[in-house]
C-alpha cells in the first residue's frame, strides 16, 4: 500500500496467477458437484425407503433417485416414486382410530392403528423420524446436516482439499 496526502493506492500482485487458478474451475466444480449430489441423492433414497409406509413393500421398492445432472446453471438430482398412490401415501392425513384391513377377501382385524398398518408400525425409526406420511420430506429434513457437509466438501475439494 502506498500513501501520500492526496490518495491511497492499493496494489495486488499475482492476479495472473489467480486468473490461471480459476480458469477451468467451473468444469471441475460441475464434476465434483455431480458426484457429491449423486451420493446425497442415494442417502435421501435410503431415508425415504426407511420412512415409507410398508404393506406389501411396493412403495418402498419403487423409491429411487437418479444420477445428478447439470440443467442450465443448476445441478439437480431427482428422485421419488412412480407409483400412483405414492403422493397419496405422502400427503393424505392419517385416518385415526383402529380399522380392519381387507385384502383379497381376507380380513385382518385391528390392522390399522392411527392410520398406520402393523408393518409400518414395526419399522424402526430412521434418524429420529418415524415411518409413515411425509417420508420424502422427512428424509430430506433428516439429512440437512449431511447436505451442509456435502456443500463444504464440494468447496474443499474444489480448492484442492483431499476430502472425497
Protein backbone atom coordinates (compact mmCIF):
# COMPACT_ATOMS: atom_id res chain seq x y z
CA UNK A 1 0.00 0.00 0.00
CA UNK A 2 1.30 3.39 -0.97
CA UNK A 3 0.03 6.50 0.72
CA UNK A 4 0.59 10.16 0.24
CA UNK A 5 -1.52 13.14 1.29
CA UNK A 6 -3.81 13.08 -1.78
CA UNK A 7 -4.58 9.41 -2.29
CA UNK A 8 -4.22 5.82 -1.16
CA UNK A 9 -3.24 3.25 -3.76
CA UNK A 10 -3.62 -0.47 -3.19
CA UNK A 11 -1.74 -2.85 -5.42
CA UNK A 12 -2.44 -6.54 -5.64
CA UNK A 13 0.21 -8.59 -7.31
CA UNK A 14 -0.36 -12.10 -8.60
CA UNK A 15 -3.63 -11.55 -10.45
CA UNK A 16 -2.30 -13.52 -13.42
CA UNK A 17 -1.67 -16.49 -11.14
CA UNK A 18 -5.16 -16.18 -9.62
CA UNK A 19 -6.71 -15.97 -13.08
CA UNK A 20 -4.86 -19.15 -14.11
CA UNK A 21 -6.01 -20.94 -10.96
CA UNK A 22 -9.67 -20.02 -11.57
CA UNK A 23 -9.52 -20.90 -15.28
CA UNK A 24 -11.27 -24.23 -15.80
CA UNK A 25 -12.62 -24.33 -12.24
CA UNK A 26 -16.23 -24.34 -13.47
CA UNK A 27 -15.79 -27.74 -15.12
CA UNK A 28 -14.07 -29.12 -12.02
CA UNK A 29 -16.90 -27.72 -9.86
CA UNK A 30 -19.55 -29.40 -12.02
CA UNK A 31 -17.73 -32.74 -11.91
CA UNK A 32 -17.35 -32.64 -8.12
CA UNK A 33 -20.89 -31.35 -7.51
CA UNK A 34 -22.47 -34.02 -9.72
CA UNK A 35 -20.55 -36.73 -7.85
CA UNK A 36 -21.45 -35.33 -4.42
CA UNK A 37 -25.12 -34.64 -5.22
CA UNK A 38 -25.48 -38.17 -6.62
CA UNK A 39 -24.17 -39.56 -3.31
CA UNK A 40 -26.53 -37.28 -1.39
CA UNK A 41 -29.46 -38.45 -3.53
CA UNK A 42 -28.65 -42.04 -2.59
CA UNK A 43 -28.70 -41.09 1.10
CA UNK A 44 -32.12 -39.42 0.70
CA UNK A 45 -33.29 -42.53 -1.18
CA UNK A 46 -32.15 -44.71 1.74
CA UNK A 47 -34.03 -42.47 4.17
CA UNK A 48 -37.20 -42.30 2.08
CA UNK A 49 -37.28 -46.10 1.78
CA UNK A 50 -36.73 -46.47 5.51
CA UNK A 51 -39.52 -43.97 6.26
CA UNK A 52 -42.07 -45.09 3.65
CA UNK A 53 -45.20 -46.88 4.77
CA UNK A 54 -45.00 -50.63 4.37
CA UNK A 55 -47.76 -53.01 3.43
CA UNK A 56 -46.50 -55.23 0.64
CA UNK A 57 -43.27 -53.27 0.16
CA UNK A 58 -44.21 -51.88 -3.26
CA UNK A 59 -43.89 -48.23 -2.23
CA UNK A 60 -40.54 -48.80 -0.55
CA UNK A 61 -39.22 -50.70 -3.61
CA UNK A 62 -40.42 -48.04 -6.04
CA UNK A 63 -38.41 -45.19 -4.49
CA UNK A 64 -35.23 -44.34 -6.38
CA UNK A 65 -33.00 -41.38 -7.10
CA UNK A 66 -31.04 -40.92 -10.30
CA UNK A 67 -27.64 -39.52 -11.04
CA UNK A 68 -27.25 -35.77 -10.56
CA UNK A 69 -27.24 -33.79 -13.79
CA UNK A 70 -26.49 -30.26 -14.90
CA UNK A 71 -29.58 -28.40 -16.09
CA UNK A 72 -28.88 -24.85 -17.19
CA UNK A 73 -26.99 -23.24 -14.36
CA UNK A 74 -28.15 -25.79 -11.76
CA UNK A 75 -27.08 -29.22 -10.56
CA UNK A 76 -30.19 -31.35 -9.98
CA UNK A 77 -30.76 -34.80 -8.55
CA UNK A 78 -34.28 -36.14 -8.96
CA UNK A 79 -35.95 -38.96 -7.12
CA UNK A 80 -39.14 -40.33 -5.73
CA UNK A 81 -41.67 -42.98 -6.68
CA UNK A 82 -43.58 -43.60 -9.89
CA UNK A 83 -46.48 -45.32 -8.13
CA UNK A 84 -49.86 -43.61 -8.46
CA UNK A 85 -50.58 -43.82 -4.74
CA UNK A 86 -47.13 -42.60 -3.60
CA UNK A 87 -48.28 -38.97 -3.46
CA UNK A 88 -51.38 -40.03 -1.57
CA UNK A 89 -49.29 -42.00 0.97
CA UNK A 90 -47.05 -38.96 1.36
CA UNK A 91 -49.71 -36.27 1.75
CA UNK A 92 -53.02 -37.75 2.92
CA UNK A 93 -53.85 -37.19 6.59
CA UNK A 94 -53.89 -40.28 8.80
CA UNK A 95 -57.24 -41.99 9.33
CA UNK A 96 -57.36 -42.08 13.10
CA UNK A 97 -58.78 -44.93 15.11
CA UNK A 98 -58.41 -48.69 14.74
CA UNK A 99 -59.51 -50.31 11.49
CA UNK A 100 -59.50 -53.68 9.81
CA UNK A 101 -57.60 -54.46 6.64
CA UNK A 102 -59.40 -56.29 3.86
CA UNK A 103 -57.11 -57.89 1.27
CA UNK A 104 -58.44 -60.21 -1.44
CA UNK A 105 -61.41 -61.12 0.74
CA UNK A 106 -59.28 -61.82 3.82
CA UNK A 107 -59.99 -59.65 6.85
CA UNK A 108 -57.20 -58.70 9.25
CA UNK A 109 -58.83 -57.26 12.31
CA UNK A 110 -57.45 -54.18 14.04
CA UNK A 111 -54.67 -53.95 11.43
CA UNK A 112 -54.52 -50.14 11.14
CA UNK A 113 -53.85 -48.11 14.27
CA UNK A 114 -53.83 -44.34 13.99
CA UNK A 115 -53.59 -44.59 10.21
CA UNK A 116 -50.58 -46.92 10.15
CA UNK A 117 -50.60 -50.61 9.37
CA UNK A 118 -48.82 -53.17 11.51
CA UNK A 119 -45.82 -53.49 9.18
CA UNK A 120 -45.29 -49.73 9.16
CA UNK A 121 -45.59 -49.62 12.93
CA UNK A 122 -42.89 -52.32 13.22
CA UNK A 123 -40.39 -50.46 11.05
CA UNK A 124 -37.61 -48.78 13.05
CA UNK A 125 -37.18 -45.03 13.18
CA UNK A 126 -34.62 -43.52 10.83
CA UNK A 127 -32.56 -40.65 12.22
CA UNK A 128 -35.26 -39.85 14.73
CA UNK A 129 -38.18 -39.94 12.27
CA UNK A 130 -41.00 -42.47 12.35
CA UNK A 131 -42.05 -44.26 9.14
CA UNK A 132 -45.31 -43.08 7.60
CA UNK A 133 -46.55 -39.91 5.96
CA UNK A 134 -44.13 -37.27 4.66
CA UNK A 135 -41.46 -39.95 4.12
CA UNK A 136 -39.66 -37.94 1.40
CA UNK A 137 -39.84 -34.61 3.22
CA UNK A 138 -38.65 -36.24 6.44
CA UNK A 139 -35.75 -37.95 4.67
CA UNK A 140 -34.61 -34.56 3.38
CA UNK A 141 -35.03 -32.89 6.78
CA UNK A 142 -33.16 -35.74 8.47
CA UNK A 143 -30.22 -35.28 6.10
CA UNK A 144 -29.90 -31.49 6.36
CA UNK A 145 -26.59 -31.74 8.21
CA UNK A 146 -25.29 -34.15 5.54
CA UNK A 147 -26.36 -31.65 2.86
CA UNK A 148 -24.46 -28.84 4.58
CA UNK A 149 -21.36 -31.02 4.99
CA UNK A 150 -21.60 -32.05 1.32
CA UNK A 151 -21.52 -28.42 0.21
CA UNK A 152 -18.49 -27.78 2.43
CA UNK A 153 -16.84 -30.88 0.96
CA UNK A 154 -17.50 -29.64 -2.59
CA UNK A 155 -15.81 -26.34 -1.77
CA UNK A 156 -12.86 -28.05 -0.07
CA UNK A 157 -12.37 -30.43 -2.97
CA UNK A 158 -12.62 -27.57 -5.44
CA UNK A 159 -9.93 -25.63 -3.62
CA UNK A 160 -7.60 -28.61 -3.53
CA UNK A 161 -8.53 -30.35 -0.30
CA UNK A 162 -8.29 -34.11 -0.05
CA UNK A 163 -11.87 -34.84 1.08
CA UNK A 164 -13.67 -37.41 -1.06
